[in-house]
Protein backbone atom coordinates (compact mmCIF):
# COMPACT_ATOMS: atom_id res chain seq x y z
CA UNK A 1 -253.34 -95.84 44.99
CA UNK A 2 -250.02 -97.00 46.26
CA UNK A 3 -248.83 -100.39 45.32
CA UNK A 4 -246.53 -102.92 47.17
CA UNK A 5 -244.59 -106.00 45.88
CA UNK A 6 -244.97 -109.15 48.12
CA UNK A 7 -241.29 -110.76 48.48
CA UNK A 8 -240.60 -114.16 49.57
CA UNK A 9 -244.42 -114.76 50.37
CA UNK A 10 -244.07 -112.34 53.28
CA UNK A 11 -247.61 -110.79 53.23
CA UNK A 12 -247.48 -109.46 56.61
CA UNK A 13 -244.57 -107.20 55.85
CA UNK A 14 -246.02 -106.11 52.63
CA UNK A 15 -249.32 -105.23 54.38
CA UNK A 16 -247.45 -103.20 56.98
CA UNK A 17 -245.60 -101.15 54.26
CA UNK A 18 -249.01 -100.76 52.36
CA UNK A 19 -250.79 -99.38 55.40
CA UNK A 20 -247.95 -96.98 56.01
CA UNK A 21 -248.25 -95.69 52.44
CA UNK A 22 -251.90 -95.37 52.59
CA UNK A 23 -252.09 -93.47 55.95
CA UNK A 24 -252.02 -90.04 54.35
CA UNK A 25 -254.75 -91.01 51.77
CA UNK A 26 -257.07 -92.33 54.58
CA UNK A 27 -256.55 -89.32 56.71
CA UNK A 28 -257.52 -86.92 53.95
CA UNK A 29 -260.60 -88.90 53.12
CA UNK A 30 -261.73 -89.00 56.57
CA UNK A 31 -261.20 -85.19 56.78
CA UNK A 32 -263.22 -84.58 53.60
CA UNK A 33 -265.86 -87.17 54.20
CA UNK A 34 -268.30 -84.64 55.59
CA UNK A 35 -268.48 -80.89 55.22
CA UNK A 36 -267.02 -78.80 57.97
CA UNK A 37 -267.96 -75.30 58.38
CA UNK A 38 -265.08 -72.90 58.42
CA UNK A 39 -265.78 -71.77 61.89
CA UNK A 40 -265.56 -75.42 63.08
CA UNK A 41 -262.29 -75.79 61.32
CA UNK A 42 -260.88 -72.56 63.07
CA UNK A 43 -262.17 -73.85 66.44
CA UNK A 44 -260.54 -77.41 65.81
CA UNK A 45 -257.23 -75.77 64.80
CA UNK A 46 -257.25 -73.39 67.92
CA UNK A 47 -257.96 -76.40 70.14
CA UNK A 48 -255.22 -78.42 68.53
CA UNK A 49 -252.77 -75.44 69.12
CA UNK A 50 -253.65 -75.20 72.71
CA UNK A 51 -253.06 -78.85 73.17
CA UNK A 52 -249.66 -78.60 71.59
CA UNK A 53 -248.63 -75.74 73.65
CA UNK A 54 -249.87 -77.52 76.83
CA UNK A 55 -247.80 -80.55 75.81
CA UNK A 56 -244.68 -78.54 75.17
CA UNK A 57 -245.11 -76.68 78.59
CA UNK A 58 -245.63 -80.02 80.38
CA UNK A 59 -242.44 -81.43 78.74
CA UNK A 60 -240.44 -78.45 79.80
CA UNK A 61 -241.71 -78.58 83.27
CA UNK A 62 -240.55 -82.15 83.39
CA UNK A 63 -237.23 -81.25 82.08
CA UNK A 64 -236.65 -78.44 84.61
CA UNK A 65 -237.76 -80.76 87.52
CA UNK A 66 -235.10 -83.41 86.52
CA UNK A 67 -232.18 -81.14 87.26
């Protein structure tokens, strides 16, 4: 578990840093909380790839239309 030192009684800044450090651990925990079948993992990965390519295509269209 990551640790953070609070300096000058600035708890808000320390909490922000702590959340940033813990983000990866929380993400992994959420992924492993329930068993996911391999076919579901593949389907989810393919869906994410399609979404990424659509996003890139959309950004490229926007860039072309600017000029």
